[in-house]
Amino acid sequence: MSEEARRLKDEGNTFFQERQYLKAYYSYSDAILLDNNNAVLYANRAACRLAMNQ
């Protein structure tokens, strides 16, 4: 995982813990653009969707 993708994942994790699910969703999506083979990023993004009841 690139440094930028890791930073975005960490940012998403922080937003998720703060229950800012939409911001977390976008952070994970941006990380996926940089590392589209990382299953954790997809799972984290899916957790955001579930948390937003979508």
PDB file of N, CA and C in Angstrom:
ATOM      1  N   MET A   1       0.853  -1.168   0.000  1.00  0.00           N
ATOM      2  CA  MET A   1       0.000   0.000   0.000  1.00  0.00           C
ATOM      3  C   MET A   1       0.898   1.230   0.000  1.00  0.00           C
ATOM      4  N   SER A   2       0.575   2.178  -0.859  1.00  0.00           N
ATOM      5  CA  SER A   2       1.363   3.408  -0.922  1.00  0.00           C
ATOM      6  C   SER A   2       1.152   4.241   0.344  1.00  0.00           C
ATOM      7  N   GLU A   3       2.070   5.136   0.568  1.00  0.00           N
ATOM      8  CA  GLU A   3       1.983   6.017   1.739  1.00  0.00           C
ATOM      9  C   GLU A   3       0.693   6.839   1.712  1.00  0.00           C
ATOM     10  N   GLU A   4       0.328   7.341   0.538  1.00  0.00           N
ATOM     11  CA  GLU A   4      -0.888   8.157   0.415  1.00  0.00           C
ATOM     12  C   GLU A   4      -2.141   7.312   0.644  1.00  0.00           C
ATOM     13  N   ALA A   5      -2.162   6.100   0.117  1.00  0.00           N
ATOM     14  CA  ALA A   5      -3.314   5.216   0.337  1.00  0.00           C
ATOM     15  C   ALA A   5      -3.451   4.892   1.824  1.00  0.00           C
ATOM     16  N   ARG A   6      -2.331   4.649   2.485  1.00  0.00           N
ATOM     17  CA  ARG A   6      -2.365   4.368   3.930  1.00  0.00           C
ATOM     18  C   ARG A   6      -2.866   5.587   4.702  1.00  0.00           C
ATOM     19  N   ARG A   7      -2.417   6.766   4.301  1.00  0.00           N
ATOM     20  CA  ARG A   7      -2.875   7.988   4.974  1.00  0.00           C
ATOM     21  C   ARG A   7      -4.386   8.141   4.828  1.00  0.00           C
ATOM     22  N   LEU A   8      -4.888   7.888   3.612  1.00  0.00           N
ATOM     23  CA  LEU A   8      -6.326   8.001   3.374  1.00  0.00           C
ATOM     24  C   LEU A   8      -7.110   6.950   4.156  1.00  0.00           C
ATOM     25  N   LYS A   9      -6.566   5.742   4.261  1.00  0.00           N
ATOM     26  CA  LYS A   9      -7.222   4.699   5.057  1.00  0.00           C
ATOM     27  C   LYS A   9      -7.279   5.115   6.520  1.00  0.00           C
ATOM     28  N   ASP A  10      -6.179   5.630   7.038  1.00  0.00           N
ATOM     29  CA  ASP A  10      -6.145   6.080   8.429  1.00  0.00           C
ATOM     30  C   ASP A  10      -7.124   7.230   8.649  1.00  0.00           C
ATOM     31  N   GLU A  11      -7.188   8.135   7.689  1.00  0.00           N
ATOM     32  CA  GLU A  11      -8.137   9.246   7.761  1.00  0.00           C
ATOM     33  C   GLU A  11      -9.568   8.701   7.797  1.00  0.00           C
ATOM     34  N   GLY A  12      -9.845   7.740   6.919  1.00  0.00           N
ATOM     35  CA  GLY A  12     -11.165   7.113   6.904  1.00  0.00           C
ATOM     36  C   GLY A  12     -11.484   6.443   8.227  1.00  0.00           C
ATOM     37  N   ASN A  13     -10.505   5.769   8.806  1.00  0.00           N
ATOM     38  CA  ASN A  13     -10.710   5.119  10.104  1.00  0.00           C
ATOM     39  C   ASN A  13     -11.069   6.138  11.177  1.00  0.00           C
ATOM     40  N   THR A  14     -10.401   7.274  11.163  1.00  0.00           N
ATOM     41  CA  THR A  14     -10.695   8.326  12.134  1.00  0.00           C
ATOM     42  C   THR A  14     -12.109   8.851  11.939  1.00  0.00           C
ATOM     43  N   PHE A  15     -12.470   9.145  10.696  1.00  0.00           N
ATOM     44  CA  PHE A  15     -13.827   9.608  10.422  1.00  0.00           C
ATOM     45  C   PHE A  15     -14.858   8.571  10.857  1.00  0.00           C
ATOM     46  N   PHE A  16     -14.588   7.305  10.584  1.00  0.00           N
ATOM     47  CA  PHE A  16     -15.533   6.247  10.946  1.00  0.00           C
ATOM     48  C   PHE A  16     -15.722   6.204  12.461  1.00  0.00           C
ATOM     49  N   GLN A  17     -14.639   6.288  13.207  1.00  0.00           N
ATOM     50  CA  GLN A  17     -14.725   6.271  14.670  1.00  0.00           C
ATOM     51  C   GLN A  17     -15.509   7.466  15.192  1.00  0.00           C
ATOM     52  N   GLU A  18     -15.453   8.574  14.457  1.00  0.00           N
ATOM     53  CA  GLU A  18     -16.193   9.781  14.836  1.00  0.00           C
ATOM     54  C   GLU A  18     -17.620   9.774  14.292  1.00  0.00           C
ATOM     55  N   ARG A  19     -18.006   8.662  13.666  1.00  0.00           N
ATOM     56  CA  ARG A  19     -19.332   8.486  13.069  1.00  0.00           C
ATOM     57  C   ARG A  19     -19.611   9.471  11.943  1.00  0.00           C
ATOM     58  N   GLN A  20     -18.552   9.908  11.283  1.00  0.00           N
ATOM     59  CA  GLN A  20     -18.672  10.752  10.094  1.00  0.00           C
ATOM     60  C   GLN A  20     -18.539   9.826   8.884  1.00  0.00           C
ATOM     61  N   TYR A  21     -19.595   9.047   8.665  1.00  0.00           N
ATOM     62  CA  TYR A  21     -19.528   7.941   7.716  1.00  0.00           C
ATOM     63  C   TYR A  21     -19.355   8.385   6.272  1.00  0.00           C
ATOM     64  N   LEU A  22     -19.963   9.479   5.891  1.00  0.00           N
ATOM     65  CA  LEU A  22     -19.817   9.936   4.508  1.00  0.00           C
ATOM     66  C   LEU A  22     -18.376  10.370   4.232  1.00  0.00           C
ATOM     67  N   LYS A  23     -17.785  11.102   5.151  1.00  0.00           N
ATOM     68  CA  LYS A  23     -16.383  11.500   4.984  1.00  0.00           C
ATOM     69  C   LYS A  23     -15.478  10.274   4.943  1.00  0.00           C
ATOM     70  N   ALA A  24     -15.756   9.303   5.795  1.00  0.00           N
ATOM     71  CA  ALA A  24     -14.970   8.064   5.793  1.00  0.00           C
ATOM     72  C   ALA A  24     -15.117   7.350   4.461  1.00  0.00           C
ATOM     73  N   TYR A  25     -16.342   7.296   3.952  1.00  0.00           N
ATOM     74  CA  TYR A  25     -16.612   6.645   2.669  1.00  0.00           C
ATOM     75  C   TYR A  25     -15.745   7.257   1.572  1.00  0.00           C
ATOM     76  N   TYR A  26     -15.685   8.575   1.528  1.00  0.00           N
ATOM     77  CA  TYR A  26     -14.895   9.235   0.487  1.00  0.00           C
ATOM     78  C   TYR A  26     -13.393   9.024   0.688  1.00  0.00           C
ATOM     79  N   SER A  27     -12.946   8.976   1.919  1.00  0.00           N
ATOM     80  CA  SER A  27     -11.523   8.692   2.167  1.00  0.00           C
ATOM     81  C   SER A  27     -11.157   7.299   1.681  1.00  0.00           C
ATOM     82  N   TYR A  28     -11.990   6.322   2.004  1.00  0.00           N
ATOM     83  CA  TYR A  28     -11.732   4.960   1.530  1.00  0.00           C
ATOM     84  C   TYR A  28     -11.812   4.884   0.011  1.00  0.00           C
ATOM     85  N   SER A  29     -12.761   5.591  -0.583  1.00  0.00           N
ATOM     86  CA  SER A  29     -12.879   5.585  -2.050  1.00  0.00           C
ATOM     87  C   SER A  29     -11.631   6.161  -2.699  1.00  0.00           C
ATOM     88  N   ASP A  30     -11.111   7.240  -2.138  1.00  0.00           N
ATOM     89  CA  ASP A  30      -9.881   7.830  -2.677  1.00  0.00           C
ATOM     90  C   ASP A  30      -8.704   6.867  -2.525  1.00  0.00           C
ATOM     91  N   ALA A  31      -8.652   6.161  -1.409  1.00  0.00           N
ATOM     92  CA  ALA A  31      -7.585   5.178  -1.205  1.00  0.00           C
ATOM     93  C   ALA A  31      -7.703   4.037  -2.215  1.00  0.00           C
ATOM     94  N   ILE A  32      -8.931   3.634  -2.531  1.00  0.00           N
ATOM     95  CA  ILE A  32      -9.155   2.570  -3.511  1.00  0.00           C
ATOM     96  C   ILE A  32      -8.646   2.986  -4.885  1.00  0.00           C
ATOM     97  N   LEU A  33      -8.777   4.252  -5.218  1.00  0.00           N
ATOM     98  CA  LEU A  33      -8.252   4.725  -6.502  1.00  0.00           C
ATOM     99  C   LEU A  33      -6.742   4.525  -6.593  1.00  0.00           C
ATOM    100  N   LEU A  34      -6.070   4.563  -5.454  1.00  0.00           N
ATOM    101  CA  LEU A  34      -4.617   4.388  -5.421  1.00  0.00           C
ATOM    102  C   LEU A  34      -4.199   2.930  -5.248  1.00  0.00           C
ATOM    103  N   ASP A  35      -5.075   2.131  -4.655  1.00  0.00           N
ATOM    104  CA  ASP A  35      -4.751   0.720  -4.377  1.00  0.00           C
ATOM    105  C   ASP A  35      -6.023  -0.112  -4.518  1.00  0.00           C
ATOM    106  N   ASN A  36      -6.374  -0.428  -5.762  1.00  0.00           N
ATOM    107  CA  ASN A  36      -7.659  -1.083  -6.014  1.00  0.00           C
ATOM    108  C   ASN A  36      -7.638  -2.592  -5.785  1.00  0.00           C
ATOM    109  N   ASN A  37      -6.544  -3.132  -5.285  1.00  0.00           N
ATOM    110  CA  ASN A  37      -6.472  -4.559  -4.963  1.00  0.00           C
ATOM    111  C   ASN A  37      -6.512  -4.827  -3.462  1.00  0.00           C
ATOM    112  N   ASN A  38      -6.784  -3.801  -2.681  1.00  0.00           N
ATOM    113  CA  ASN A  38      -6.770  -3.936  -1.228  1.00  0.00           C
ATOM    114  C   ASN A  38      -8.192  -4.197  -0.727  1.00  0.00           C
ATOM    115  N   ALA A  39      -8.455  -5.436  -0.326  1.00  0.00           N
ATOM    116  CA  ALA A  39      -9.798  -5.830   0.107  1.00  0.00           C
ATOM    117  C   ALA A  39     -10.249  -5.089   1.363  1.00  0.00           C
ATOM    118  N   VAL A  40      -9.317  -4.733   2.228  1.00  0.00           N
ATOM    119  CA  VAL A  40      -9.674  -4.030   3.463  1.00  0.00           C
ATOM    120  C   VAL A  40     -10.338  -2.696   3.148  1.00  0.00           C
ATOM    121  N   LEU A  41      -9.837  -2.000   2.138  1.00  0.00           N
ATOM    122  CA  LEU A  41     -10.423  -0.711   1.770  1.00  0.00           C
ATOM    123  C   LEU A  41     -11.867  -0.878   1.315  1.00  0.00           C
ATOM    124  N   TYR A  42     -12.120  -1.907   0.532  1.00  0.00           N
ATOM    125  CA  TYR A  42     -13.491  -2.172   0.076  1.00  0.00           C
ATOM    126  C   TYR A  42     -14.395  -2.548   1.249  1.00  0.00           C
ATOM    127  N   ALA A  43     -13.879  -3.353   2.166  1.00  0.00           N
ATOM    128  CA  ALA A  43     -14.666  -3.754   3.333  1.00  0.00           C
ATOM    129  C   ALA A  43     -14.982  -2.551   4.221  1.00  0.00           C
ATOM    130  N   ASN A  44     -13.999  -1.683   4.405  1.00  0.00           N
ATOM    131  CA  ASN A  44     -14.226  -0.485   5.213  1.00  0.00           C
ATOM    132  C   ASN A  44     -15.256   0.421   4.562  1.00  0.00           C
ATOM    133  N   ARG A  45     -15.170   0.551   3.246  1.00  0.00           N
ATOM    134  CA  ARG A  45     -16.143   1.386   2.535  1.00  0.00           C
ATOM    135  C   ARG A  45     -17.540   0.782   2.645  1.00  0.00           C
ATOM    136  N   ALA A  46     -17.634  -0.531   2.550  1.00  0.00           N
ATOM    137  CA  ALA A  46     -18.930  -1.200   2.701  1.00  0.00           C
ATOM    138  C   ALA A  46     -19.493  -0.984   4.106  1.00  0.00           C
ATOM    139  N   ALA A  47     -18.632  -0.981   5.112  1.00  0.00           N
ATOM    140  CA  ALA A  47     -19.082  -0.728   6.483  1.00  0.00           C
ATOM    141  C   ALA A  47     -19.677   0.668   6.611  1.00  0.00           C
ATOM    142  N   CYS A  48     -19.130   1.612   5.875  1.00  0.00           N
ATOM    143  CA  CYS A  48     -19.691   2.968   5.869  1.00  0.00           C
ATOM    144  C   CYS A  48     -21.101   2.957   5.303  1.00  0.00           C
ATOM    145  N   ARG A  49     -21.281   2.253   4.193  1.00  0.00           N
ATOM    146  CA  ARG A  49     -22.609   2.163   3.573  1.00  0.00           C
ATOM    147  C   ARG A  49     -23.611   1.549   4.550  1.00  0.00           C
ATOM    148  N   LEU A  50     -23.201   0.491   5.235  1.00  0.00           N
ATOM    149  CA  LEU A  50     -24.085  -0.133   6.217  1.00  0.00           C
ATOM    150  C   LEU A  50     -24.413   0.828   7.355  1.00  0.00           C
ATOM    151  N   ALA A  51     -23.416   1.550   7.811  1.00  0.00           N
ATOM    152  CA  ALA A  51     -23.626   2.498   8.906  1.00  0.00           C
ATOM    153  C   ALA A  51     -24.561   3.633   8.501  1.00  0.00           C
ATOM    154  N   MET A  52     -24.559   3.965   7.214  1.00  0.00           N
ATOM    155  CA  MET A  52     -25.453   5.018   6.714  1.00  0.00           C
ATOM    156  C   MET A  52     -26.814   4.449   6.309  1.00  0.00           C
ATOM    157  N   ASN A  53     -27.024   3.146   6.559  1.00  0.00           N
ATOM    158  CA  ASN A  53     -28.282   2.466   6.221  1.00  0.00           C
ATOM    159  C   ASN A  53     -28.597   2.507   4.743  1.00  0.00           C
ATOM    160  N   GLN A  54     -27.577   2.305   3.912  1.00  0.00           N
ATOM    161  CA  GLN A  54     -27.794   2.310   2.462  1.00  0.00           C
ATOM    162  C   GLN A  54     -27.591   0.924   1.918  1.00  0.00           C
TER     163      GLN A  54
END
